[in-house]
Structures are given as structure tokens and as C-alpha cells.
C-alpha atoms as a PDB file:
ATOM      1  CA  MET A   1     -28.636 -17.299  -0.717  1.00  0.00           C
ATOM      2  CA  ASN A   2     -25.247 -15.958  -0.992  1.00  0.00           C
ATOM      3  CA  ASN A   3     -23.210 -14.983   2.297  1.00  0.00           C
ATOM      4  CA  PRO A   4     -22.239 -11.604   2.972  1.00  0.00           C
ATOM      5  CA  PRO A   5     -18.577 -10.980   2.511  1.00  0.00           C
ATOM      6  CA  PRO A   6     -16.344 -11.200   5.645  1.00  0.00           C
ATOM      7  CA  LYS A   7     -15.952  -7.985   7.586  1.00  0.00           C
ATOM      8  CA  VAL A   8     -12.836  -6.103   5.902  1.00  0.00           C
ATOM      9  CA  SER A   9     -11.839  -2.839   7.354  1.00  0.00           C
ATOM     10  CA  PHE A  10      -9.820  -0.173   4.976  1.00  0.00           C
ATOM     11  CA  THR A  11      -7.035   1.743   6.543  1.00  0.00           C
ATOM     12  CA  VAL A  12      -4.682   4.328   5.141  1.00  0.00           C
ATOM     13  CA  ASN A  13      -2.296   6.581   7.567  1.00  0.00           C
ATOM     14  CA  VAL A  14      -1.744  10.017   6.018  1.00  0.00           C
ATOM     15  CA  CYS A  15       0.469  12.914   6.980  1.00  0.00           C
ATOM     16  CA  ASN A  16       1.219  16.344   5.514  1.00  0.00           C
ATOM     17  CA  SER A  17       3.539  15.565   2.986  1.00  0.00           C
ATOM     18  CA  ASP A  18       0.863  13.471   1.278  1.00  0.00           C
ATOM     19  CA  ALA A  19      -1.437  16.813   0.476  1.00  0.00           C
ATOM     20  CA  PRO A  20      -0.139  16.984  -3.304  1.00  0.00           C
ATOM     21  CA  TYR A  21      -1.784  13.496  -4.258  1.00  0.00           C
ATOM     22  CA  LEU A  22      -3.912  12.182  -1.530  1.00  0.00           C
ATOM     23  CA  GLU A  23      -7.328  13.151  -3.106  1.00  0.00           C
ATOM     24  CA  GLN A  24      -6.674  11.835  -6.544  1.00  0.00           C
ATOM     25  CA  THR A  25      -4.948   8.738  -5.187  1.00  0.00           C
ATOM     26  CA  LEU A  26      -7.841   7.582  -2.352  1.00  0.00           C
ATOM     27  CA  ARG A  27     -10.526   8.371  -5.289  1.00  0.00           C
ATOM     28  CA  HIS A  28      -8.460   6.179  -7.525  1.00  0.00           C
ATOM     29  CA  MET A  29      -8.012   3.281  -4.939  1.00  0.00           C
ATOM     30  CA  MET A  30     -11.931   2.931  -4.222  1.00  0.00           C
ATOM     31  CA  ARG A  31     -12.539   2.718  -8.072  1.00  0.00           C
ATOM     32  CA  GLN A  32      -9.840  -0.067  -8.386  1.00  0.00           C
ATOM     33  CA  LEU A  33     -10.193  -1.837  -5.236  1.00  0.00           C
ATOM     34  CA  ASN A  34     -14.032  -2.232  -5.773  1.00  0.00           C
ATOM     35  CA  PHE A  35     -14.660  -3.806  -2.434  1.00  0.00           C
ATOM     36  CA  PRO A  36     -17.725  -3.220   0.257  1.00  0.00           C
ATOM     37  CA  PHE A  37     -15.302  -2.425   3.283  1.00  0.00           C
ATOM     38  CA  CYS A  38     -17.126  -2.437   6.463  1.00  0.00           C
ATOM     39  CA  GLU A  39     -15.178   0.758   7.295  1.00  0.00           C
ATOM     40  CA  ARG A  40     -12.834   3.316   5.529  1.00  0.00           C
ATOM     41  CA  ILE A  41     -10.615   4.875   7.898  1.00  0.00           C
ATOM     42  CA  ALA A  42      -7.774   7.719   7.379  1.00  0.00           C
ATOM     43  CA  THR A  43      -5.541   8.154  10.144  1.00  0.00           C
ATOM     44  CA  TYR A  44      -4.086  11.440  10.392  1.00  0.00           C
ATOM     45  CA  ASP A  45      -0.560  12.472  11.891  1.00  0.00           C
ATOM     46  CA  PRO A  46      -0.365  16.051  11.707  1.00  0.00           C
ATOM     47  CA  GLY A  47       2.963  16.343  12.907  1.00  0.00           C
ATOM     48  CA  SER A  48       6.337  17.284  11.073  1.00  0.00           C
ATOM     49  CA  GLN A  49       8.005  14.712   9.150  1.00  0.00           C
ATOM     50  CA  VAL A  50      11.616  13.510   9.882  1.00  0.00           C
ATOM     51  CA  GLY A  51      14.227  11.480   8.100  1.00  0.00           C
ATOM     52  CA  LYS A  52      13.571  10.704   4.166  1.00  0.00           C
ATOM     53  CA  TYR A  53      10.144  11.787   4.735  1.00  0.00           C
ATOM     54  CA  ALA A  54      10.989  15.365   5.516  1.00  0.00           C
ATOM     55  CA  GLU A  55      12.843  15.448   1.933  1.00  0.00           C
ATOM     56  CA  ARG A  56       9.111  15.220   0.381  1.00  0.00           C
ATOM     57  CA  ILE A  57       7.214  18.237  -1.164  1.00  0.00           C
ATOM     58  CA  GLN A  58       5.425  19.550   2.001  1.00  0.00           C
ATOM     59  CA  GLY A  59       1.854  20.235   2.393  1.00  0.00           C
ATOM     60  CA  SER A  60       0.197  21.943   5.269  1.00  0.00           C
ATOM     61  CA  GLN A  61      -2.324  20.873   8.025  1.00  0.00           C
ATOM     62  CA  ASN A  62      -5.165  23.323   6.435  1.00  0.00           C
ATOM     63  CA  GLU A  63      -4.638  21.415   2.973  1.00  0.00           C
ATOM     64  CA  ILE A  64      -4.715  18.093   4.491  1.00  0.00           C
ATOM     65  CA  GLU A  65      -7.927  18.705   6.594  1.00  0.00           C
ATOM     66  CA  ARG A  66      -9.586  20.281   3.624  1.00  0.00           C
ATOM     67  CA  ILE A  67      -8.581  17.242   1.571  1.00  0.00           C
ATOM     68  CA  LEU A  68     -10.034  14.922   4.171  1.00  0.00           C
ATOM     69  CA  GLN A  69     -13.189  16.587   4.743  1.00  0.00           C
ATOM     70  CA  THR A  70     -14.084  16.673   0.900  1.00  0.00           C
ATOM     71  CA  LEU A  71     -13.240  12.726   1.133  1.00  0.00           C
ATOM     72  CA  LEU A  72     -15.612  12.512   4.110  1.00  0.00           C
ATOM     73  CA  ASP A  73     -18.434  14.419   2.238  1.00  0.00           C
ATOM     74  CA  ASP A  74     -18.151  12.251  -0.700  1.00  0.00           C
ATOM     75  CA  GLU A  75     -18.012   9.069   1.396  1.00  0.00           C
ATOM     76  CA  ILE A  76     -14.403   8.026  -0.247  1.00  0.00           C
ATOM     77  CA  ILE A  77     -13.535   7.558   3.500  1.00  0.00           C
ATOM     78  CA  TYR A  78     -16.122   7.098   6.528  1.00  0.00           C
ATOM     79  CA  ARG A  79     -13.960   8.440   9.417  1.00  0.00           C
ATOM     80  CA  VAL A  80     -10.684  10.098  10.237  1.00  0.00           C
ATOM     81  CA  ASP A  81      -8.721   9.323  13.219  1.00  0.00           C
ATOM     82  CA  ILE A  82      -6.124  11.933  14.589  1.00  0.00           C
ATOM     83  CA  ILE A  83      -2.906  10.284  15.822  1.00  0.00           C
ATOM     84  CA  PRO A  84      -2.626  10.941  19.668  1.00  0.00           C
ATOM     85  CA  TRP A  85       0.936  11.716  20.897  1.00  0.00           C
ATOM     86  CA  THR A  86       0.322  11.374  24.699  1.00  0.00           C
ATOM     87  CA  ASP A  87       2.938   9.127  26.614  1.00  0.00           C
ATOM     88  CA  GLU A  88      -0.212   6.896  27.837  1.00  0.00           C
ATOM     89  CA  GLU A  89      -1.591   6.200  24.170  1.00  0.00           C
ATOM     90  CA  GLN A  90       2.107   5.521  22.813  1.00  0.00           C
ATOM     91  CA  ASP A  91       2.758   3.151  25.934  1.00  0.00           C
ATOM     92  CA  ARG A  92      -0.544   1.503  25.260  1.00  0.00           C
ATOM     93  CA  ILE A  93       0.048   0.654  21.732  1.00  0.00           C
ATOM     94  CA  LEU A  94       3.669  -0.263  21.986  1.00  0.00           C
ATOM     95  CA  LYS A  95       3.080  -2.502  25.072  1.00  0.00           C
ATOM     96  CA  LYS A  96      -0.139  -4.244  23.105  1.00  0.00           C
ATOM     97  CA  TYR A  97       2.071  -4.919  20.122  1.00  0.00           C
ATOM     98  CA  PHE A  98       5.609  -5.319  20.832  1.00  0.00           C
ATOM     99  CA  GLY A  99       5.346  -5.938  24.695  1.00  0.00           C
ATOM    100  CA  ASP A 100       7.639  -3.124  25.589  1.00  0.00           C
ATOM    101  CA  GLN A 101       6.910   0.470  25.579  1.00  0.00           C
ATOM    102  CA  ASP A 102      10.479   1.542  25.138  1.00  0.00           C
ATOM    103  CA  ILE A 103      10.328   0.482  21.235  1.00  0.00           C
ATOM    104  CA  ASP A 104      11.120   3.379  19.228  1.00  0.00           C
ATOM    105  CA  LEU A 105       8.176   5.455  17.701  1.00  0.00           C
ATOM    106  CA  LYS A 106       9.617   5.364  14.199  1.00  0.00           C
ATOM    107  CA  ASP A 107      12.445   3.540  12.309  1.00  0.00           C
ATOM    108  CA  PHE A 108      15.774   4.819  11.527  1.00  0.00           C
ATOM    109  CA  SER A 109      14.714   6.425   8.371  1.00  0.00           C
ATOM    110  CA  GLY A 110      11.631   8.235  10.056  1.00  0.00           C
ATOM    111  CA  ALA A 111       9.061   5.735   8.656  1.00  0.00           C
ATOM    112  CA  PRO A 112       6.169   5.194  11.016  1.00  0.00           C
ATOM    113  CA  ILE A 113       5.761   2.269  13.677  1.00  0.00           C
ATOM    114  CA  TYR A 114       3.689   3.687  16.374  1.00  0.00           C
ATOM    115  CA  GLN A 115       1.268   5.504  13.769  1.00  0.00           C
ATOM    116  CA  TYR A 116       0.799   2.424  11.707  1.00  0.00           C
ATOM    117  CA  LEU A 117      -0.038   0.196  14.944  1.00  0.00           C
ATOM    118  CA  TYR A 118      -2.592   3.028  16.181  1.00  0.00           C
ATOM    119  CA  ALA A 119      -4.273   2.856  12.869  1.00  0.00           C
ATOM    120  CA  MET A 120      -4.552  -0.901  12.814  1.00  0.00           C
ATOM    121  CA  ASP A 121      -5.483  -1.225  16.324  1.00  0.00           C
ATOM    122  CA  ALA A 122      -8.708   1.222  15.534  1.00  0.00           C
ATOM    123  CA  CYS A 123     -10.094  -1.309  12.790  1.00  0.00           C
ATOM    124  CA  LYS A 124     -13.013  -3.555  13.868  1.00  0.00           C
ATOM    125  CA  GLY A 125     -12.916  -5.658  10.837  1.00  0.00           C
ATOM    126  CA  ASP A 126     -12.220  -9.522  10.754  1.00  0.00           C
ATOM    127  CA  TYR A 127      -9.686  -8.761   8.175  1.00  0.00           C
ATOM    128  CA  LEU A 128      -7.567  -5.511   7.456  1.00  0.00           C
ATOM    129  CA  PHE A 129      -6.622  -3.918   4.283  1.00  0.00           C
ATOM    130  CA  HIS A 130      -3.917  -1.635   5.206  1.00  0.00           C
ATOM    131  CA  VAL A 131      -2.624   0.560   2.201  1.00  0.00           C
ATOM    132  CA  ASP A 132       0.185   3.435   1.895  1.00  0.00           C
ATOM    133  CA  SER A 133      -1.609   6.762   0.703  1.00  0.00           C
ATOM    134  CA  ASP A 134       0.470   6.675  -2.586  1.00  0.00           C
ATOM    135  CA  MET A 135      -0.278   3.242  -3.900  1.00  0.00           C
ATOM    136  CA  LEU A 136      -1.982   2.543  -7.326  1.00  0.00           C
ATOM    137  CA  PHE A 137      -3.712  -0.357  -8.193  1.00  0.00           C
ATOM    138  CA  TYR A 138      -4.737  -2.128 -11.700  1.00  0.00           C
ATOM    139  CA  ARG A 139      -7.815  -4.245 -11.826  1.00  0.00           C
ATOM    140  CA  GLN A 140      -8.736  -6.494 -14.719  1.00  0.00           C
ATOM    141  CA  GLY A 141     -12.529  -6.543 -14.615  1.00  0.00           C
ATOM    142  CA  GLU A 142     -14.783  -5.634 -12.484  1.00  0.00           C
ATOM    143  CA  LYS A 143     -14.292  -8.325  -9.597  1.00  0.00           C
ATOM    144  CA  SER A 144     -11.957  -6.897  -6.690  1.00  0.00           C
ATOM    145  CA  TRP A 145      -9.082  -9.063  -5.811  1.00  0.00           C
ATOM    146  CA  ILE A 146      -9.859  -8.985  -2.325  1.00  0.00           C
ATOM    147  CA  TYR A 147     -12.548 -11.492  -2.839  1.00  0.00           C
ATOM    148  CA  ASP A 148      -9.757 -13.865  -4.146  1.00  0.00           C
ATOM    149  CA  GLY A 149      -7.397 -12.826  -1.159  1.00  0.00           C
ATOM    150  CA  LEU A 150     -10.084 -13.702   1.436  1.00  0.00           C
ATOM    151  CA  GLU A 151     -10.803 -17.248  -0.190  1.00  0.00           C
ATOM    152  CA  LEU A 152      -7.140 -17.871   0.076  1.00  0.00           C
ATOM    153  CA  LEU A 153      -6.826 -16.637   3.661  1.00  0.00           C
ATOM    154  CA  ILE A 154     -10.069 -18.805   4.712  1.00  0.00           C
ATOM    155  CA  LYS A 155      -8.560 -21.726   2.764  1.00  0.00           C
ATOM    156  CA  GLU A 156      -4.872 -21.680   3.831  1.00  0.00           C
ATOM    157  CA  LYS A 157      -4.552 -21.456   7.702  1.00  0.00           C
ATOM    158  CA  GLN A 158      -0.798 -20.819   7.583  1.00  0.00           C
ATOM    159  CA  VAL A 159      -1.468 -17.785   5.423  1.00  0.00           C
ATOM    160  CA  ILE A 160      -1.637 -14.677   7.469  1.00  0.00           C
ATOM    161  CA  VAL A 161      -1.234 -11.897   4.647  1.00  0.00           C
ATOM    162  CA  ALA A 162      -2.355 -11.980   1.022  1.00  0.00           C
ATOM    163  CA  THR A 163      -1.137  -9.421  -1.861  1.00  0.00           C
ATOM    164  CA  HIS A 164      -1.278  -9.351  -5.509  1.00  0.00           C
ATOM    165  CA  GLN A 165       1.513  -8.777  -8.268  1.00  0.00           C
ATOM    166  CA  GLY A 166       3.851  -6.073  -7.255  1.00  0.00           C
ATOM    167  CA  GLY A 167       4.191  -3.965 -10.661  1.00  0.00           C
ATOM    168  CA  PRO A 168       2.931  -4.546 -14.454  1.00  0.00           C
ATOM    169  CA  PRO A 169       5.154  -6.725 -16.574  1.00  0.00           C
ATOM    170  CA  GLN A 170       8.885  -5.413 -17.244  1.00  0.00           C
ATOM    171  CA  ALA A 171      11.628  -6.463 -19.497  1.00  0.00           C
ATOM    172  CA  ARG A 172      13.857  -8.371 -17.497  1.00  0.00           C
ATOM    173  CA  ASN A 173      16.925  -8.450 -20.187  1.00  0.00           C
ATOM    174  CA  TRP A 174      18.198  -6.809 -23.246  1.00  0.00           C
ATOM    175  CA  PHE A 175      16.397  -9.431 -25.487  1.00  0.00           C
ATOM    176  CA  GLU A 176      12.824  -8.704 -23.883  1.00  0.00           C
ATOM    177  CA  ALA A 177      13.548  -5.053 -24.170  1.00  0.00           C
ATOM    178  CA  LEU A 178      14.502  -5.453 -27.772  1.00  0.00           C
ATOM    179  CA  ILE A 179      11.403  -7.500 -28.931  1.00  0.00           C
ATOM    180  CA  GLY A 180       9.002  -5.785 -26.274  1.00  0.00           C
ATOM    181  CA  LYS A 181       7.450  -8.995 -25.173  1.00  0.00           C
ATOM    182  CA  SER A 182       8.012 -11.162 -22.206  1.00  0.00           C
ATOM    183  CA  PHE A 183       9.078 -14.711 -22.427  1.00  0.00           C
ATOM    184  CA  GLU A 184       8.420 -15.455 -18.857  1.00  0.00           C
ATOM    185  CA  PRO A 185       6.829 -18.729 -18.349  1.00  0.00           C
ATOM    186  CA  LYS A 186       3.101 -18.812 -17.115  1.00  0.00           C
ATOM    187  CA  PRO A 187       2.688 -19.582 -13.860  1.00  0.00           C
ATOM    188  CA  THR A 188       1.419 -22.939 -12.880  1.00  0.00           C
ATOM    189  CA  SER A 189      -0.580 -21.662  -9.629  1.00  0.00           C
ATOM    190  CA  ASP A 190      -2.668 -18.987  -8.521  1.00  0.00           C
ATOM    191  CA  TRP A 191      -0.432 -18.043  -5.700  1.00  0.00           C
ATOM    192  CA  HIS A 192       3.200 -18.188  -4.106  1.00  0.00           C
ATOM    193  CA  HIS A 193       4.750 -18.060  -0.783  1.00  0.00           C
ATOM    194  CA  ALA A 194       6.620 -14.561  -0.758  1.00  0.00           C
ATOM    195  CA  LEU A 195       9.688 -14.302   1.940  1.00  0.00           C
ATOM    196  CA  PHE A 196       9.020 -10.496   2.777  1.00  0.00           C
ATOM    197  CA  THR A 197       5.796  -8.710   4.272  1.00  0.00           C
ATOM    198  CA  SER A 198       5.907  -5.219   2.987  1.00  0.00           C
ATOM    199  CA  THR A 199       3.682  -2.547   4.620  1.00  0.00           C
ATOM    200  CA  ARG A 200       3.101  -0.845   1.641  1.00  0.00           C
ATOM    201  CA  TYR A 201      -0.494  -2.803   1.284  1.00  0.00           C
ATOM    202  CA  PHE A 202      -1.700  -5.939   2.522  1.00  0.00           C
ATOM    203  CA  LEU A 203      -4.868  -7.901   3.175  1.00  0.00           C
ATOM    204  CA  MET A 204      -4.377  -9.587   6.779  1.00  0.00           C
ATOM    205  CA  ASP A 205      -6.145 -11.946   8.982  1.00  0.00           C
ATOM    206  CA  VAL A 206      -6.573 -10.228  12.480  1.00  0.00           C
ATOM    207  CA  SER A 207      -6.883 -13.137  14.428  1.00  0.00           C
ATOM    208  CA  ARG A 208      -3.669 -14.705  13.108  1.00  0.00           C
ATOM    209  CA  PHE A 209      -1.905 -11.332  13.583  1.00  0.00           C
ATOM    210  CA  HIS A 210      -2.907 -11.013  17.208  1.00  0.00           C
ATOM    211  CA  SER A 211      -1.940 -14.587  17.704  1.00  0.00           C
ATOM    212  CA  CYS A 212       1.762 -13.414  16.782  1.00  0.00           C
ATOM    213  CA  LEU A 213       1.932 -10.628  19.345  1.00  0.00           C
ATOM    214  CA  PRO A 214       4.125  -9.496  20.914  1.00  0.00           C
ATOM    215  CA  LEU A 215       6.228  -8.751  17.720  1.00  0.00           C
ATOM    216  CA  THR A 216       9.786  -9.510  18.102  1.00  0.00           C
ATOM    217  CA  GLN A 217      12.541  -7.239  16.508  1.00  0.00           C
ATOM    218  CA  GLU A 218      15.628  -8.417  14.967  1.00  0.00           C
ATOM    219  CA  LYS A 219      17.180  -5.181  15.235  1.00  0.00           C
ATOM    220  CA  THR A 220      16.694  -1.843  17.195  1.00  0.00           C
ATOM    221  CA  GLY A 221      15.063   0.617  14.970  1.00  0.00           C
ATOM    222  CA  GLU A 222      14.208  -1.629  12.340  1.00  0.00           C
ATOM    223  CA  PRO A 223      11.201  -0.823  10.070  1.00  0.00           C
ATOM    224  CA  LEU A 224       8.148  -2.281  10.905  1.00  0.00           C
ATOM    225  CA  GLU A 225       7.656  -4.526   8.019  1.00  0.00           C
ATOM    226  CA  ASN A 226      10.866  -6.304   9.403  1.00  0.00           C
ATOM    227  CA  SER A 227       9.413  -7.032  12.508  1.00  0.00           C
ATOM    228  CA  PHE A 228       5.879  -8.375  10.592  1.00  0.00           C
ATOM    229  CA  THR A 229       8.211 -10.575   8.632  1.00  0.00           C
ATOM    230  CA  HIS A 230      10.411 -11.993  11.474  1.00  0.00           C
ATOM    231  CA  SER A 231       7.437 -12.566  13.800  1.00  0.00           C
ATOM    232  CA  PHE A 232       5.178 -13.874  11.382  1.00  0.00           C
ATOM    233  CA  THR A 233       7.909 -16.452  10.450  1.00  0.00           C
ATOM    234  CA  LEU A 234       8.513 -17.265  14.146  1.00  0.00           C
ATOM    235  CA  GLU A 235       4.912 -18.298  14.390  1.00  0.00           C
ATOM    236  CA  GLY A 236       4.713 -20.387  11.181  1.00  0.00           C
ATOM    237  CA  PHE A 237       2.561 -18.008   9.162  1.00  0.00           C
ATOM    238  CA  GLN A 238       3.468 -16.958   5.605  1.00  0.00           C
ATOM    239  CA  ARG A 239       2.863 -14.038   3.063  1.00  0.00           C
ATOM    240  CA  TRP A 240       1.351 -15.146  -0.206  1.00  0.00           C
ATOM    241  CA  SER A 241       1.349 -13.305  -3.331  1.00  0.00           C
ATOM    242  CA  MET A 242      -0.688 -13.805  -6.495  1.00  0.00           C
ATOM    243  CA  ASN A 243       0.652 -14.910  -9.564  1.00  0.00           C
ATOM    244  CA  GLY A 244      -0.047 -13.431 -13.165  1.00  0.00           C
ATOM    245  CA  HIS A 245      -0.741  -9.564 -13.812  1.00  0.00           C
ATOM    246  CA  THR A 246      -4.793  -9.689 -13.673  1.00  0.00           C
ATOM    247  CA  HIS A 247      -4.200  -7.301 -10.919  1.00  0.00           C
ATOM    248  CA  TRP A 248      -0.813  -5.353 -10.043  1.00  0.00           C
ATOM    249  CA  ALA A 249       0.022  -2.684  -7.868  1.00  0.00           C
ATOM    250  CA  ILE A 250       2.930   0.204  -8.415  1.00  0.00           C
ATOM    251  CA  HIS A 251       4.338   2.793  -5.921  1.00  0.00           C
ATOM    252  CA  PRO A 252       6.196   6.014  -6.951  1.00  0.00           C
ATOM    253  CA  TRP A 253       9.784   5.907  -6.299  1.00  0.00           C
ATOM    254  CA  LYS A 254      10.010   9.600  -5.547  1.00  0.00           C
ATOM    255  CA  HIS A 255       6.894  11.954  -5.079  1.00  0.00           C
ATOM    256  CA  ASP A 256       8.796  14.552  -7.048  1.00  0.00           C
ATOM    257  CA  GLU A 257       7.190  17.254  -9.207  1.00  0.00           C
ATOM    258  CA  ASN A 258       7.071  15.305 -12.407  1.00  0.00           C
ATOM    259  CA  TYR A 259       4.962  12.925 -10.587  1.00  0.00           C
ATOM    260  CA  VAL A 260       2.617  15.377  -9.027  1.00  0.00           C
ATOM    261  CA  ARG A 261       2.487  17.391 -12.294  1.00  0.00           C
ATOM    262  CA  TYR A 262       1.358  14.189 -14.304  1.00  0.00           C
ATOM    263  CA  LEU A 263      -0.721  12.340 -11.585  1.00  0.00           C
ATOM    264  CA  ASP A 264      -3.805  12.324 -13.289  1.00  0.00           C
ATOM    265  CA  ASP A 265      -2.338  10.903 -16.473  1.00  0.00           C
ATOM    266  CA  LEU A 266      -0.483   8.437 -14.373  1.00  0.00           C
ATOM    267  CA  ILE A 267      -3.687   7.303 -12.693  1.00  0.00           C
ATOM    268  CA  TRP A 268      -5.198   6.888 -16.020  1.00  0.00           C
ATOM    269  CA  ALA A 269      -2.403   4.744 -17.099  1.00  0.00           C
ATOM    270  CA  VAL A 270      -2.518   2.152 -14.435  1.00  0.00           C
ATOM    271  CA  GLU A 271      -6.239   1.790 -14.559  1.00  0.00           C
ATOM    272  CA  ASN A 272      -5.987   1.135 -18.268  1.00  0.00           C
ATOM    273  CA  ASN A 273      -3.097  -1.366 -17.858  1.00  0.00           C
ATOM    274  CA  ILE A 274      -0.805   0.790 -19.807  1.00  0.00           C
ATOM    275  CA  TYR A 275       3.057   1.027 -18.958  1.00  0.00           C
ATOM    276  CA  PRO A 276       6.333   1.225 -20.372  1.00  0.00           C
ATOM    277  CA  PHE A 277       7.404  -2.518 -20.893  1.00  0.00           C
ATOM    278  CA  LYS A 278      11.141  -1.288 -20.826  1.00  0.00           C
ATOM    279  CA  ARG A 279      11.722   0.839 -17.776  1.00  0.00           C
ATOM    280  CA  THR A 280      14.136   1.937 -14.997  1.00  0.00           C
ATOM    281  CA  GLY A 281      14.243   0.292 -11.679  1.00  0.00           C
ATOM    282  CA  PHE A 282      12.105  -2.549 -10.073  1.00  0.00           C
ATOM    283  CA  LYS A 283       8.785  -3.419 -11.685  1.00  0.00           C
ATOM    284  CA  TRP A 284       7.128  -2.431  -8.501  1.00  0.00           C
ATOM    285  CA  ASP A 285       8.415   1.086  -8.465  1.00  0.00           C
ATOM    286  CA  MET A 286       7.107   4.130 -10.887  1.00  0.00           C
ATOM    287  CA  ARG A 287      10.147   6.125 -11.561  1.00  0.00           C
ATOM    288  CA  THR A 288       9.274   9.641 -12.546  1.00  0.00           C
ATOM    289  CA  GLU A 289      12.219  11.720 -11.302  1.00  0.00           C
ATOM    290  CA  GLY A 290      14.580  13.492 -14.092  1.00  0.00           C
ATOM    291  CA  LYS A 291      14.450  11.795 -17.347  1.00  0.00           C
ATOM    292  CA  HIS A 292      12.811   8.503 -16.098  1.00  0.00           C
ATOM    293  CA  ILE A 293       9.185  10.476 -16.378  1.00  0.00           C
ATOM    294  CA  ASN A 294       9.957  10.274 -20.306  1.00  0.00           C
ATOM    295  CA  GLU A 295       9.455   6.570 -20.160  1.00  0.00           C
ATOM    296  CA  TRP A 296       5.730   6.848 -18.964  1.00  0.00           C
ATOM    297  CA  LEU A 297       5.069  10.053 -21.070  1.00  0.00           C
ATOM    298  CA  ALA A 298       6.039   7.999 -24.238  1.00  0.00           C
ATOM    299  CA  VAL A 299       3.491   5.447 -23.669  1.00  0.00           C
ATOM    300  CA  LEU A 300       1.118   8.053 -22.569  1.00  0.00           C
ATOM    301  CA  ARG A 301       1.486  10.159 -26.028  1.00  0.00           C
ATOM    302  CA  LYS A 302       1.186   6.853 -27.958  1.00  0.00           C
ATOM    303  CA  GLN A 303      -2.527   6.474 -26.306  1.00  0.00           C
ATOM    304  CA  GLY A 304      -3.410  10.061 -27.226  1.00  0.00           C
ATOM    305  CA  ARG A 305      -3.124  11.804 -24.094  1.00  0.00           C
ATOM    306  CA  ALA A 306      -2.679  15.437 -24.556  1.00  0.00           C
ATOM    307  CA  LEU A 307       0.240  16.056 -21.963  1.00  0.00           C
ATOM    308  CA  ASP A 308       0.934  19.620 -20.910  1.00  0.00           C
END
């Protein structure tokens, strides 16, 4: 008799600037992650965005509420939590996770700190899969990579966070770009130790995370992911990332008009392991601004996609 999978919570933070892509992206995530989460929670912050986030295409609270209700009706998500901005709740979360209620609510760039921690605090699973609302995932075959991540976390007691490959293969030099083929050696193991813990997406062991509390900041106003990385290292924990490209994730570098216009086609490309081998930027970033969208449109046209 097979044992049931461990209880894993799915949590995603949502704000008004997510409106242009939120519905398509969350539907895509559930298809690609293909895992029986014990809960699927969208934590919504209706407040205005600041810093770099204020530069994005902005939606409205009405739009987001309509999208979230549709996702609830279709059981893409199971619950929506609203970020409370009371002093009492802010103090509770910051005291619990940093031991200090005077920690900034957002980092120097406007990225959330309090909001992420509030969302994580509301999860009930033994493990937690957190994801940014704009991530795209490729999965080879039917099996979710989360099963492999859970197996790793159970086996390796020093691992606190598991992720898979960031981005599909990419030309690393002029020769690979010319030939159109990667000559990167095949990995000799399934996982490797990654030095930094990004908050874009991760599978986390919740009890190990709680053993790292209170979190420690190296610098005032630093991103939450820096505090994670520093605190995990101090406690002897590590993030491990999957080798190979049977699963990979990619993130839009800009949420620009090109990205929104071609989103359905870009999601199709990711789900079908279609990508430009020669492309601009880091392999985990999807560049769509200006002329860079042409790198993606070219491979889509080769696949017979009728682009408007």
C-alpha cells in the first residue's frame, strides 16, 4: 500500500500589478506542477506598489478580485487571504520571524518582506511550496519534480530548500551559439549545493525553517532572500538545486507589453520545452522587452504558431 504524500502547502503572493498575467499563469502552474497540494492559497495585497514595482503595468483591485474569484470557482486555488496592515499583525509577524518588530516591511527596492512572511505563516503543511505569481515551469513527463524534492528533503537533513533547474539550456559562448548545441558536460549527480536561496520559488521544510528563527539581516533593508540565505547558512542548512533539464523554471525579466501580448504563446512554448537556445540575459530570465521578444517569436513561428 502506497503511503500518502507529505502535506505540502502552495502559496503565492498577489498584488494589483499581477492582473495582466495572473489568471493564465496560475492555471499554467497547476498544470505543470501537477501535485496534490493540501492547500492552495493566494495571499492578496490590495495596496499600491512602490519602488520598481510601481513601474509595472498596473491593474485594479476590481480586476484582481474578479480573477481570484474565477480561480476559486474553478478550484485552481482553494483560498484567498487578504494581507492585514494593522500594527498589531505587522508586529506579530516581524517579531515571530525576525525577533524585532522594527524590521522594514519592504526591502530597499519595494519588494515584500512582511507580505511574504504573512503568507508563509498562514500555511499548515509540513512542507511549503512558495512561488512568485509570474513564474513559468517546464515538466518532462507526468511526474511532478516536487516528489523528487520531497525525497531529497527527507533524505538529506542539512537541506532546507529544494529547487529545480533555473532556465532551459542556453548558448554559453560564441561556438555553442554558432553550432546551436550545448557541449556542457552531463551532470554526475542529481542535485548540487546552491549558495543562494531565491524567493522566486522554493520547496521548503517548514520545521527546519522554524529552527532558523529569528532570521538575521546582514544589512538593513535587504531583500528577504538575502536574510534567508544568511540565516540558513548560520544554522548549517543548504539549498540544493536539481541538475539537468528534465524540469526548469523561467521568469519574465520585464512585465512589458510584449510579454502580456504574447503570454499565451510564451506559456505554450515553456510547456512544450520550446525556447531560443541563443538568447539574451541569464538563462532563468525571459527577455521580452524591445527587440528581445524576437528571439522568442522566431522559435514560436518555427513551431507553426500563428502570432498576431
